[in-house]
Amino acid sequence: PSLEGCRAKLARGRLHKDAFEHELAKVVPPSKRKEIPL
């Protein structure tokens, strides 16, 4: 049987994972994540 629909849902989930990481980078870039204000 074709699992094309299942794999399309999996791929969509990974797109949202990448989008989450992109949103974080806009807020606090990885280069700034060692700067913790105290």
PDB file of all heavy atoms in Angstrom:
ATOM      1  N   PRO A   1       0.833  -1.204   0.000  1.00  0.00           N
ATOM      2  CA  PRO A   1       0.000   0.000   0.000  1.00  0.00           C
ATOM      3  C   PRO A   1       0.870   1.257   0.000  1.00  0.00           C
ATOM      4  O   PRO A   1       1.992   1.249   0.499  1.00  0.00           O
ATOM      5  CB  PRO A   1      -0.786  -0.126   1.312  1.00  0.00           C
ATOM      6  CG  PRO A   1       0.098  -0.950   2.194  1.00  0.00           C
ATOM      7  CD  PRO A   1       0.788  -1.924   1.277  1.00  0.00           C
ATOM      8  N   SER A   2       0.344   2.321  -0.533  1.00  0.00           N
ATOM      9  CA  SER A   2       1.077   3.577  -0.559  1.00  0.00           C
ATOM     10  C   SER A   2       0.988   4.271   0.797  1.00  0.00           C
ATOM     11  O   SER A   2      -0.083   4.346   1.400  1.00  0.00           O
ATOM     12  CB  SER A   2       0.493   4.494  -1.638  1.00  0.00           C
ATOM     13  OG  SER A   2       1.063   5.783  -1.545  1.00  0.00           O
ATOM     14  N   LEU A   3       2.119   4.733   1.279  1.00  0.00           N
ATOM     15  CA  LEU A   3       2.151   5.517   2.512  1.00  0.00           C
ATOM     16  C   LEU A   3       2.418   6.987   2.195  1.00  0.00           C
ATOM     17  O   LEU A   3       2.923   7.731   3.037  1.00  0.00           O
ATOM     18  CB  LEU A   3       3.230   4.979   3.462  1.00  0.00           C
ATOM     19  CG  LEU A   3       3.120   3.516   3.892  1.00  0.00           C
ATOM     20  CD1 LEU A   3       4.151   3.211   4.963  1.00  0.00           C
ATOM     21  CD2 LEU A   3       1.723   3.192   4.401  1.00  0.00           C
ATOM     22  N   GLU A   4       2.041   7.389   0.986  1.00  0.00           N
ATOM     23  CA  GLU A   4       2.333   8.750   0.549  1.00  0.00           C
ATOM     24  C   GLU A   4       1.712   9.788   1.481  1.00  0.00           C
ATOM     25  O   GLU A   4       2.346  10.796   1.829  1.00  0.00           O
ATOM     26  CB  GLU A   4       1.814   8.954  -0.878  1.00  0.00           C
ATOM     27  CG  GLU A   4       2.127  10.331  -1.449  1.00  0.00           C
ATOM     28  CD  GLU A   4       1.654  10.486  -2.879  1.00  0.00           C
ATOM     29  OE1 GLU A   4       1.263   9.465  -3.494  1.00  0.00           O
ATOM     30  OE2 GLU A   4       1.674  11.626  -3.381  1.00  0.00           O
ATOM     31  N   GLY A   5       0.472   9.566   1.903  1.00  0.00           N
ATOM     32  CA  GLY A   5      -0.179  10.514   2.799  1.00  0.00           C
ATOM     33  C   GLY A   5       0.525  10.598   4.149  1.00  0.00           C
ATOM     34  O   GLY A   5       0.679  11.679   4.723  1.00  0.00           O
ATOM     35  N   CYS A   6       0.936   9.429   4.668  1.00  0.00           N
ATOM     36  CA  CYS A   6       1.660   9.391   5.951  1.00  0.00           C
ATOM     37  C   CYS A   6       2.958  10.185   5.853  1.00  0.00           C
ATOM     38  O   CYS A   6       3.297  10.979   6.741  1.00  0.00           O
ATOM     39  CB  CYS A   6       1.971   7.954   6.347  1.00  0.00           C
ATOM     40  SG  CYS A   6       0.539   6.864   6.495  1.00  0.00           S
ATOM     41  N   ARG A   7       3.672   9.971   4.770  1.00  0.00           N
ATOM     42  CA  ARG A   7       4.967  10.647   4.609  1.00  0.00           C
ATOM     43  C   ARG A   7       4.777  12.149   4.354  1.00  0.00           C
ATOM     44  O   ARG A   7       5.626  12.956   4.742  1.00  0.00           O
ATOM     45  CB  ARG A   7       5.767  10.000   3.488  1.00  0.00           C
ATOM     46  CG  ARG A   7       6.070   8.534   3.782  1.00  0.00           C
ATOM     47  CD  ARG A   7       7.142   7.975   2.872  1.00  0.00           C
ATOM     48  NE  ARG A   7       7.314   6.551   3.108  1.00  0.00           N
ATOM     49  CZ  ARG A   7       8.020   6.037   4.120  1.00  0.00           C
ATOM     50  NH1 ARG A   7       8.605   6.851   4.988  1.00  0.00           N
ATOM     51  NH2 ARG A   7       8.129   4.728   4.262  1.00  0.00           N
ATOM     52  N   ALA A   8       3.658  12.515   3.728  1.00  0.00           N
ATOM     53  CA  ALA A   8       3.377  13.936   3.532  1.00  0.00           C
ATOM     54  C   ALA A   8       3.130  14.619   4.881  1.00  0.00           C
ATOM     55  O   ALA A   8       3.591  15.756   5.109  1.00  0.00           O
ATOM     56  CB  ALA A   8       2.163  14.107   2.624  1.00  0.00           C
ATOM     57  N   LYS A   9       2.426  13.948   5.786  1.00  0.00           N
ATOM     58  CA  LYS A   9       2.211  14.498   7.123  1.00  0.00           C
ATOM     59  C   LYS A   9       3.538  14.609   7.884  1.00  0.00           C
ATOM     60  O   LYS A   9       3.790  15.592   8.587  1.00  0.00           O
ATOM     61  CB  LYS A   9       1.232  13.624   7.903  1.00  0.00           C
ATOM     62  CG  LYS A   9      -0.206  13.723   7.449  1.00  0.00           C
ATOM     63  CD  LYS A   9      -0.790  15.092   7.809  1.00  0.00           C
ATOM     64  CE  LYS A   9      -2.272  15.167   7.497  1.00  0.00           C
ATOM     65  NZ  LYS A   9      -2.836  16.496   7.850  1.00  0.00           N
ATOM     66  N   LEU A  10       4.390  13.593   7.761  1.00  0.00           N
ATOM     67  CA  LEU A  10       5.704  13.627   8.402  1.00  0.00           C
ATOM     68  C   LEU A  10       6.525  14.803   7.883  1.00  0.00           C
ATOM     69  O   LEU A  10       7.141  15.548   8.659  1.00  0.00           O
ATOM     70  CB  LEU A  10       6.437  12.311   8.149  1.00  0.00           C
ATOM     71  CG  LEU A  10       7.898  12.224   8.612  1.00  0.00           C
ATOM     72  CD1 LEU A  10       8.009  12.425  10.116  1.00  0.00           C
ATOM     73  CD2 LEU A  10       8.500  10.882   8.192  1.00  0.00           C
ATOM     74  N   ALA A  11       6.519  14.985   6.572  1.00  0.00           N
ATOM     75  CA  ALA A  11       7.270  16.094   5.975  1.00  0.00           C
ATOM     76  C   ALA A  11       6.719  17.439   6.436  1.00  0.00           C
ATOM     77  O   ALA A  11       7.481  18.381   6.689  1.00  0.00           O
ATOM     78  CB  ALA A  11       7.216  15.988   4.446  1.00  0.00           C
ATOM     79  N   ARG A  12       5.403  17.545   6.550  1.00  0.00           N
ATOM     80  CA  ARG A  12       4.803  18.795   7.019  1.00  0.00           C
ATOM     81  C   ARG A  12       5.221  19.080   8.462  1.00  0.00           C
ATOM     82  O   ARG A  12       5.488  20.227   8.830  1.00  0.00           O
ATOM     83  CB  ARG A  12       3.280  18.707   6.917  1.00  0.00           C
ATOM     84  CG  ARG A  12       2.540  19.919   7.436  1.00  0.00           C
ATOM     85  CD  ARG A  12       2.883  21.180   6.686  1.00  0.00           C
ATOM     86  NE  ARG A  12       2.516  21.099   5.283  1.00  0.00           N
ATOM     87  CZ  ARG A  12       2.636  22.106   4.414  1.00  0.00           C
ATOM     88  NH1 ARG A  12       3.129  23.266   4.826  1.00  0.00           N
ATOM     89  NH2 ARG A  12       2.295  21.956   3.160  1.00  0.00           N
ATOM     90  N   GLY A  13       5.289  18.030   9.284  1.00  0.00           N
ATOM     91  CA  GLY A  13       5.748  18.219  10.652  1.00  0.00           C
ATOM     92  C   GLY A  13       7.171  18.746  10.705  1.00  0.00           C
ATOM     93  O   GLY A  13       7.491  19.638  11.496  1.00  0.00           O
ATOM     94  N   ARG A  14       8.027  18.225   9.839  1.00  0.00           N
ATOM     95  CA  ARG A  14       9.413  18.684   9.824  1.00  0.00           C
ATOM     96  C   ARG A  14       9.521  20.118   9.310  1.00  0.00           C
ATOM     97  O   ARG A  14      10.411  20.869   9.727  1.00  0.00           O
ATOM     98  CB  ARG A  14      10.259  17.722   8.985  1.00  0.00           C
ATOM     99  CG  ARG A  14      10.540  16.413   9.735  1.00  0.00           C
ATOM    100  CD  ARG A  14      11.249  15.389   8.898  1.00  0.00           C
ATOM    101  NE  ARG A  14      11.771  14.306   9.729  1.00  0.00           N
ATOM    102  CZ  ARG A  14      12.019  13.079   9.302  1.00  0.00           C
ATOM    103  NH1 ARG A  14      11.782  12.770   8.030  1.00  0.00           N
ATOM    104  NH2 ARG A  14      12.495  12.164  10.126  1.00  0.00           N
ATOM    105  N   LEU A  15       8.629  20.508   8.413  1.00  0.00           N
ATOM    106  CA  LEU A  15       8.603  21.903   7.975  1.00  0.00           C
ATOM    107  C   LEU A  15       8.277  22.843   9.135  1.00  0.00           C
ATOM    108  O   LEU A  15       8.869  23.917   9.273  1.00  0.00           O
ATOM    109  CB  LEU A  15       7.585  22.086   6.851  1.00  0.00           C
ATOM    110  CG  LEU A  15       8.008  21.630   5.447  1.00  0.00           C
ATOM    111  CD1 LEU A  15       6.851  21.813   4.470  1.00  0.00           C
ATOM    112  CD2 LEU A  15       9.230  22.410   4.965  1.00  0.00           C
ATOM    113  N   HIS A  16       7.334  22.423   9.988  1.00  0.00           N
ATOM    114  CA  HIS A  16       7.001  23.240  11.156  1.00  0.00           C
ATOM    115  C   HIS A  16       8.162  23.273  12.151  1.00  0.00           C
ATOM    116  O   HIS A  16       8.388  24.298  12.807  1.00  0.00           O
ATOM    117  CB  HIS A  16       5.738  22.715  11.819  1.00  0.00           C
ATOM    118  CG  HIS A  16       4.474  23.127  11.118  1.00  0.00           C
ATOM    119  ND1 HIS A  16       4.031  24.431  11.108  1.00  0.00           N
ATOM    120  CD2 HIS A  16       3.574  22.410  10.396  1.00  0.00           C
ATOM    121  CE1 HIS A  16       2.901  24.506  10.423  1.00  0.00           C
ATOM    122  NE2 HIS A  16       2.605  23.294   9.973  1.00  0.00           N
ATOM    123  N   LYS A  17       8.883  22.176  12.269  1.00  0.00           N
ATOM    124  CA  LYS A  17      10.073  22.171  13.136  1.00  0.00           C
ATOM    125  C   LYS A  17      11.082  23.207  12.639  1.00  0.00           C
ATOM    126  O   LYS A  17      11.632  23.983  13.428  1.00  0.00           O
ATOM    127  CB  LYS A  17      10.713  20.782  13.161  1.00  0.00           C
ATOM    128  CG  LYS A  17      12.027  20.722  13.942  1.00  0.00           C
ATOM    129  CD  LYS A  17      12.670  19.358  13.844  1.00  0.00           C
ATOM    130  CE  LYS A  17      13.318  19.125  12.491  1.00  0.00           C
ATOM    131  NZ  LYS A  17      14.528  19.950  12.300  1.00  0.00           N
ATOM    132  N   ASP A  18      11.325  23.221  11.340  1.00  0.00           N
ATOM    133  CA  ASP A  18      12.259  24.199  10.767  1.00  0.00           C
ATOM    134  C   ASP A  18      11.742  25.627  10.940  1.00  0.00           C
ATOM    135  O   ASP A  18      12.518  26.554  11.201  1.00  0.00           O
ATOM    136  CB  ASP A  18      12.488  23.894   9.290  1.00  0.00           C
ATOM    137  CG  ASP A  18      13.214  22.576   9.058  1.00  0.00           C
ATOM    138  OD1 ASP A  18      13.850  22.072  10.014  1.00  0.00           O
ATOM    139  OD2 ASP A  18      13.136  22.041   7.939  1.00  0.00           O
ATOM    140  N   ALA A  19      10.419  25.805  10.801  1.00  0.00           N
ATOM    141  CA  ALA A  19       9.833  27.132  10.968  1.00  0.00           C
ATOM    142  C   ALA A  19       9.985  27.608  12.413  1.00  0.00           C
ATOM    143  O   ALA A  19      10.224  28.797  12.675  1.00  0.00           O
ATOM    144  CB  ALA A  19       8.356  27.119  10.570  1.00  0.00           C
ATOM    145  N   PHE A  20       9.855  26.692  13.364  1.00  0.00           N
ATOM    146  CA  PHE A  20      10.054  27.022  14.779  1.00  0.00           C
ATOM    147  C   PHE A  20      11.482  27.523  15.007  1.00  0.00           C
ATOM    148  O   PHE A  20      11.705  28.550  15.653  1.00  0.00           O
ATOM    149  CB  PHE A  20       9.774  25.786  15.630  1.00  0.00           C
ATOM    150  CG  PHE A  20      10.136  25.931  17.082  1.00  0.00           C
ATOM    151  CD1 PHE A  20       9.510  26.882  17.877  1.00  0.00           C
ATOM    152  CD2 PHE A  20      11.087  25.106  17.659  1.00  0.00           C
ATOM    153  CE1 PHE A  20       9.840  27.015  19.221  1.00  0.00           C
ATOM    154  CE2 PHE A  20      11.424  25.233  18.994  1.00  0.00           C
ATOM    155  CZ  PHE A  20      10.794  26.183  19.782  1.00  0.00           C
ATOM    156  N   GLU A  21      12.442  26.812  14.453  1.00  0.00           N
ATOM    157  CA  GLU A  21      13.837  27.214  14.602  1.00  0.00           C
ATOM    158  C   GLU A  21      14.079  28.575  13.945  1.00  0.00           C
ATOM    159  O   GLU A  21      14.828  29.408  14.472  1.00  0.00           O
ATOM    160  CB  GLU A  21      14.751  26.151  13.995  1.00  0.00           C
ATOM    161  CG  GLU A  21      16.200  26.296  14.372  1.00  0.00           C
ATOM    162  CD  GLU A  21      16.994  25.050  14.035  1.00  0.00           C
ATOM    163  OE1 GLU A  21      16.553  24.270  13.173  1.00  0.00           O
ATOM    164  OE2 GLU A  21      18.057  24.856  14.645  1.00  0.00           O
ATOM    165  N   HIS A  22      13.439  28.816  12.816  1.00  0.00           N
ATOM    166  CA  HIS A  22      13.584  30.098  12.124  1.00  0.00           C
ATOM    167  C   HIS A  22      13.017  31.238  12.969  1.00  0.00           C
ATOM    168  O   HIS A  22      13.620  32.329  13.058  1.00  0.00           O
ATOM    169  CB  HIS A  22      12.881  30.028  10.770  1.00  0.00           C
ATOM    170  CG  HIS A  22      12.967  31.287   9.975  1.00  0.00           C
ATOM    171  ND1 HIS A  22      14.138  31.743   9.406  1.00  0.00           N
ATOM    172  CD2 HIS A  22      12.006  32.219   9.659  1.00  0.00           C
ATOM    173  CE1 HIS A  22      13.911  32.880   8.778  1.00  0.00           C
ATOM    174  NE2 HIS A  22      12.632  33.188   8.916  1.00  0.00           N
ATOM    175  N   GLU A  23      11.863  31.012  13.594  1.00  0.00           N
ATOM    176  CA  GLU A  23      11.267  32.037  14.455  1.00  0.00           C
ATOM    177  C   GLU A  23      12.172  32.353  15.638  1.00  0.00           C
ATOM    178  O   GLU A  23      12.329  33.512  16.036  1.00  0.00           O
ATOM    179  CB  GLU A  23       9.894  31.567  14.959  1.00  0.00           C
ATOM    180  CG  GLU A  23       8.816  31.508  13.898  1.00  0.00           C
ATOM    181  CD  GLU A  23       8.409  32.886  13.407  1.00  0.00           C
ATOM    182  OE1 GLU A  23       8.524  33.848  14.175  1.00  0.00           O
ATOM    183  OE2 GLU A  23       7.984  32.996  12.242  1.00  0.00           O
ATOM    184  N   LEU A  24      12.795  31.337  16.216  1.00  0.00           N
ATOM    185  CA  LEU A  24      13.700  31.562  17.343  1.00  0.00           C
ATOM    186  C   LEU A  24      14.899  32.396  16.919  1.00  0.00           C
ATOM    187  O   LEU A  24      15.349  33.280  17.661  1.00  0.00           O
ATOM    188  CB  LEU A  24      14.195  30.225  17.902  1.00  0.00           C
ATOM    189  CG  LEU A  24      13.164  29.316  18.563  1.00  0.00           C
ATOM    190  CD1 LEU A  24      13.855  28.061  19.088  1.00  0.00           C
ATOM    191  CD2 LEU A  24      12.452  30.032  19.689  1.00  0.00           C
ATOM    192  N   ALA A  25      15.435  32.096  15.734  1.00  0.00           N
ATOM    193  CA  ALA A  25      16.615  32.815  15.256  1.00  0.00           C
ATOM    194  C   ALA A  25      16.311  34.292  15.051  1.00  0.00           C
ATOM    195  O   ALA A  25      17.194  35.147  15.220  1.00  0.00           O
ATOM    196  CB  ALA A  25      17.123  32.189  13.968  1.00  0.00           C
ATOM    197  N   LYS A  26      15.055  34.608  14.696  1.00  0.00           N
ATOM    198  CA  LYS A  26      14.691  36.015  14.528  1.00  0.00           C
ATOM    199  C   LYS A  26      14.633  36.734  15.866  1.00  0.00           C
ATOM    200  O   LYS A  26      14.909  37.931  15.954  1.00  0.00           O
ATOM    201  CB  LYS A  26      13.338  36.126  13.811  1.00  0.00           C
ATOM    202  CG  LYS A  26      13.368  35.709  12.349  1.00  0.00           C
ATOM    203  CD  LYS A  26      12.121  36.141  11.616  1.00  0.00           C
ATOM    204  CE  LYS A  26      10.876  35.534  12.192  1.00  0.00           C
ATOM    205  NZ  LYS A  26       9.651  35.866  11.413  1.00  0.00           N
ATOM    206  N   VAL A  27      14.267  36.017  16.916  1.00  0.00           N
ATOM    207  CA  VAL A  27      14.135  36.623  18.242  1.00  0.00           C
ATOM    208  C   VAL A  27      15.492  36.721  18.938  1.00  0.00           C
ATOM    209  O   VAL A  27      15.909  37.787  19.383  1.00  0.00           O
ATOM    210  CB  VAL A  27      13.147  35.809  19.107  1.00  0.00           C
ATOM    211  CG1 VAL A  27      13.106  36.349  20.530  1.00  0.00           C
ATOM    212  CG2 VAL A  27      11.767  35.843  18.480  1.00  0.00           C
ATOM    213  N   VAL A  28      16.161  35.591  19.052  1.00  0.00           N
ATOM    214  CA  VAL A  28      17.498  35.538  19.666  1.00  0.00           C
ATOM    215  C   VAL A  28      18.374  34.673  18.771  1.00  0.00           C
ATOM    216  O   VAL A  28      18.269  33.444  18.794  1.00  0.00           O
ATOM    217  CB  VAL A  28      17.456  34.946  21.095  1.00  0.00           C
ATOM    218  CG1 VAL A  28      18.860  34.937  21.702  1.00  0.00           C
ATOM    219  CG2 VAL A  28      16.507  35.744  21.981  1.00  0.00           C
ATOM    220  N   PRO A  29      19.247  35.266  17.957  1.00  0.00           N
ATOM    221  CA  PRO A  29      20.121  34.480  17.077  1.00  0.00           C
ATOM    222  C   PRO A  29      21.008  33.541  17.886  1.00  0.00           C
ATOM    223  O   PRO A  29      21.332  33.830  19.046  1.00  0.00           O
ATOM    224  CB  PRO A  29      20.961  35.551  16.365  1.00  0.00           C
ATOM    225  CG  PRO A  29      20.171  36.811  16.483  1.00  0.00           C
ATOM    226  CD  PRO A  29      19.435  36.716  17.785  1.00  0.00           C
ATOM    227  N   PRO A  30      21.394  32.402  17.300  1.00  0.00           N
ATOM    228  CA  PRO A  30      22.263  31.466  18.026  1.00  0.00           C
ATOM    229  C   PRO A  30      23.517  32.113  18.593  1.00  0.00           C
ATOM    230  O   PRO A  30      23.984  31.734  19.678  1.00  0.00           O
ATOM    231  CB  PRO A  30      22.602  30.424  16.945  1.00  0.00           C
ATOM    232  CG  PRO A  30      21.418  30.450  16.031  1.00  0.00           C
ATOM    233  CD  PRO A  30      20.977  31.884  15.990  1.00  0.00           C
ATOM    234  N   SER A  31      24.074  33.099  17.896  1.00  0.00           N
ATOM    235  CA  SER A  31      25.291  33.754  18.372  1.00  0.00           C
ATOM    236  C   SER A  31      25.061  34.557  19.647  1.00  0.00           C
ATOM    237  O   SER A  31      26.021  34.903  20.348  1.00  0.00           O
ATOM    238  CB  SER A  31      25.844  34.679  17.283  1.00  0.00           C
ATOM    239  OG  SER A  31      24.904  35.695  16.962  1.00  0.00           O
ATOM    240  N   LYS A  32      23.802  34.873  19.957  1.00  0.00           N
ATOM    241  CA  LYS A  32      23.481  35.668  21.138  1.00  0.00           C
ATOM    242  C   LYS A  32      23.013  34.815  22.315  1.00  0.00           C
ATOM    243  O   LYS A  32      22.683  35.350  23.374  1.00  0.00           O
ATOM    244  CB  LYS A  32      22.376  36.679  20.792  1.00  0.00           C
ATOM    245  CG  LYS A  32      22.753  37.702  19.729  1.00  0.00           C
ATOM    246  CD  LYS A  32      23.789  38.684  20.251  1.00  0.00           C
ATOM    247  CE  LYS A  32      24.051  39.787  19.240  1.00  0.00           C
ATOM    248  NZ  LYS A  32      25.082  40.743  19.732  1.00  0.00           N
ATOM    249  N   ARG A  33      22.989  33.504  22.149  1.00  0.00           N
ATOM    250  CA  ARG A  33      22.400  32.662  23.186  1.00  0.00           C
ATOM    251  C   ARG A  33      23.370  32.314  24.319  1.00  0.00           C
ATOM    252  O   ARG A  33      23.035  31.536  25.199  1.00  0.00           O
ATOM    253  CB  ARG A  33      21.821  31.391  22.554  1.00  0.00           C
ATOM    254  CG  ARG A  33      20.637  31.709  21.661  1.00  0.00           C
ATOM    255  CD  ARG A  33      20.040  30.513  20.989  1.00  0.00           C
ATOM    256  NE  ARG A  33      19.114  30.945  19.927  1.00  0.00           N
ATOM    257  CZ  ARG A  33      18.542  30.130  19.061  1.00  0.00           C
ATOM    258  NH1 ARG A  33      18.773  28.825  19.129  1.00  0.00           N
ATOM    259  NH2 ARG A  33      17.742  30.607  18.128  1.00  0.00           N
ATOM    260  N   LYS A  34      24.555  32.864  24.274  1.00  0.00           N
ATOM    261  CA  LYS A  34      25.481  32.733  25.397  1.00  0.00           C
ATOM    262  C   LYS A  34      25.501  33.987  26.260  1.00  0.00           C
ATOM    263  O   LYS A  34      26.217  34.053  27.256  1.00  0.00           O
ATOM    264  CB  LYS A  34      26.894  32.436  24.888  1.00  0.00           C
ATOM    265  CG  LYS A  34      27.032  31.051  24.256  1.00  0.00           C
ATOM    266  CD  LYS A  34      28.480  30.777  23.870  1.00  0.00           C
ATOM    267  CE  LYS A  34      28.612  29.385  23.244  1.00  0.00           C
ATOM    268  NZ  LYS A  34      28.363  28.310  24.220  1.00  0.00           N
ATOM    269  N   GLU A  35      24.733  34.982  25.871  1.00  0.00           N
ATOM    270  CA  GLU A  35      24.689  36.238  26.604  1.00  0.00           C
ATOM    271  C   GLU A  35      23.463  36.240  27.517  1.00  0.00           C
ATOM    272  O   GLU A  35      22.344  36.515  27.086  1.00  0.00           O
ATOM    273  CB  GLU A  35      24.640  37.415  25.635  1.00  0.00           C
ATOM    274  CG  GLU A  35      25.849  37.475  24.703  1.00  0.00           C
ATOM    275  CD  GLU A  35      25.722  38.585  23.679  1.00  0.00           C
ATOM    276  OE1 GLU A  35      24.764  39.389  23.780  1.00  0.00           O
ATOM    277  OE2 GLU A  35      26.583  38.651  22.783  1.00  0.00           O
ATOM    278  N   ILE A  36      23.666  35.892  28.773  1.00  0.00           N
ATOM    279  CA  ILE A  36      22.576  35.804  29.720  1.00  0.00           C
ATOM    280  C   ILE A  36      22.637  37.004  30.662  1.00  0.00           C
ATOM    281  O   ILE A  36      23.602  37.157  31.413  1.00  0.00           O
ATOM    282  CB  ILE A  36      22.646  34.491  30.520  1.00  0.00           C
ATOM    283  CG1 ILE A  36      22.581  33.300  29.563  1.00  0.00           C
ATOM    284  CG2 ILE A  36      21.524  34.416  31.544  1.00  0.00           C
ATOM    285  CD1 ILE A  36      22.680  31.975  30.246  1.00  0.00           C
ATOM    286  N   PRO A  37      21.648  37.888  30.619  1.00  0.00           N
ATOM    287  CA  PRO A  37      21.689  39.075  31.487  1.00  0.00           C
ATOM    288  C   PRO A  37      21.418  38.717  32.942  1.00  0.00           C
ATOM    289  O   PRO A  37      20.464  38.004  33.253  1.00  0.00           O
ATOM    290  CB  PRO A  37      20.579  39.958  30.908  1.00  0.00           C
ATOM    291  CG  PRO A  37      19.612  38.993  30.299  1.00  0.00           C
ATOM    292  CD  PRO A  37      20.446  37.856  29.774  1.00  0.00           C
ATOM    293  N   LEU A  38      22.267  39.207  33.830  1.00  0.00           N
ATOM    294  CA  LEU A  38      22.110  38.973  35.260  1.00  0.00           C
ATOM    295  C   LEU A  38      22.222  40.290  36.009  1.00  0.00           C
ATOM    296  O   LEU A  38      22.893  41.211  35.569  1.00  0.00           O
ATOM    297  CB  LEU A  38      23.189  38.005  35.778  1.00  0.00           C
ATOM    298  CG  LEU A  38      23.219  36.585  35.222  1.00  0.00           C
ATOM    299  CD1 LEU A  38      24.410  35.833  35.808  1.00  0.00           C
ATOM    300  CD2 LEU A  38      21.928  35.838  35.543  1.00  0.00           C
TER     301      LEU A  38
END
